[in-house]
Protein backbone atom coordinates (compact mmCIF):
# COMPACT_ATOMS: atom_id res chain seq x y z
CA UNK A 1 -0.10 0.47 -0.31
CA UNK A 2 1.54 3.16 -0.42
CA UNK A 3 1.81 5.81 1.72
CA UNK A 4 -0.75 8.68 1.79
CA UNK A 5 -0.02 11.90 1.25
CA UNK A 6 0.66 13.09 4.50
CA UNK A 7 2.44 10.41 5.60
CA UNK A 8 4.85 11.49 3.34
CA UNK A 9 4.89 15.27 4.55
CA UNK A 10 5.49 13.22 8.06
CA UNK A 11 8.28 11.16 7.07
CA UNK A 12 9.98 14.32 5.91
CA UNK A 13 9.46 16.24 8.67
CA UNK A 14 11.13 13.11 10.84
CA UNK A 15 13.72 13.21 8.51
CA UNK A 16 14.90 16.99 8.90
CA UNK A 17 15.11 16.75 12.06
CA UNK A 18 17.48 14.83 12.99
CA UNK A 19 19.43 16.31 9.91
CA UNK A 20 19.42 18.88 12.26
CA UNK A 21 20.06 17.29 15.36
CA UNK A 22 22.48 15.89 13.94
CA UNK A 23 24.15 19.11 12.80
CA UNK A 24 23.34 18.18 8.61
CA UNK A 25 21.89 21.65 8.22
CA UNK A 26 21.57 21.61 4.15
CA UNK A 27 19.97 18.42 3.97
CA UNK A 28 17.66 20.05 7.41
CA UNK A 29 16.97 22.31 4.43
CA UNK A 30 16.11 20.66 1.99
CA UNK A 31 13.96 18.18 4.27
CA UNK A 32 12.20 21.01 6.28
CA UNK A 33 11.62 22.94 2.93
CA UNK A 34 10.49 19.18 1.21
CA UNK A 35 8.55 18.78 4.60
CA UNK A 36 6.33 21.91 4.13
CA UNK A 37 5.84 21.52 1.14
CA UNK A 38 3.69 18.09 0.78
CA UNK A 39 1.77 19.88 4.26
CA UNK A 40 0.71 22.57 1.98
CA UNK A 41 -0.19 20.25 -1.15
CA UNK A 42 -2.45 18.47 1.29
CA UNK A 43 -3.90 21.88 3.00
CA UNK A 44 -5.13 22.45 -1.14
CA UNK A 45 -5.92 18.91 -2.51
CA UNK A 46 -6.58 17.77 0.81
CA UNK A 47 -8.48 19.14 3.29
CA UNK A 48 -7.72 18.25 6.77
CA UNK A 49 -11.39 20.32 8.34
CA UNK A 50 -9.93 23.79 9.98
CA UNK A 51 -8.54 23.17 12.89
CA UNK A 52 -5.99 21.19 11.18
CA UNK A 53 -6.05 22.67 7.92
CA UNK A 54 -4.52 25.57 11.02
CA UNK A 55 -2.35 23.27 12.74
CA UNK A 56 -1.28 21.96 9.00
CA UNK A 57 0.09 25.96 8.72
CA UNK A 58 0.82 26.37 12.05
CA UNK A 59 3.48 23.61 12.00
CA UNK A 60 4.40 24.32 7.96
CA UNK A 61 5.81 28.26 9.78
CA UNK A 62 8.02 26.79 12.12
CA UNK A 63 9.80 24.37 10.03
CA UNK A 64 10.22 27.91 7.61
CA UNK A 65 11.27 29.64 10.93
CA UNK A 66 13.35 27.16 11.39
CA UNK A 67 15.29 26.69 8.05
CA UNK A 68 15.66 30.39 8.46
CA UNK A 69 17.17 30.11 11.33
CA UNK A 70 19.48 27.61 9.59
CA UNK A 71 20.29 30.07 6.65
CA UNK A 72 21.26 32.83 9.05
CA UNK A 73 23.24 30.19 10.66
CA UNK A 74 25.96 28.70 7.59
CA UNK A 75 25.90 32.33 6.29
CA UNK A 76 27.33 32.89 9.15
CA UNK A 77 29.44 30.38 10.11
CA UNK A 78 31.06 30.89 6.69
CA UNK A 79 32.17 34.38 7.30
CA UNK A 80 33.81 33.05 10.56
CA UNK A 81 35.87 30.93 8.70
CA UNK A 82 36.57 33.25 6.36
CA UNK A 83 37.82 35.51 8.98
CA UNK A 84 40.02 33.54 11.07
CA UNK A 85 41.39 32.07 7.43
CA UNK A 86 42.04 35.92 5.96
CA UNK A 87 43.78 36.17 10.26
CA UNK A 88 45.50 33.70 10.20
CA UNK A 89 45.77 32.54 6.69
């Protein structure tokens, strides 16, 4: 039996969380973004009721906020590494 879109979305979100916890931030970003696409597809094509849709939207916002945090961290990390390289070359 093929997994539902909701099951796929949950699996991708769980993978994102694991990658995040393991420090694999680039993969976590990709997975969070992929999960959000799945969840938004569900809201659009497979409505879960008003309350269910709101929960999905709230979770998507959390994922996108985390993506933004991770992207900022990765940029900061690159800048720090570049500064260290320039300073200590």
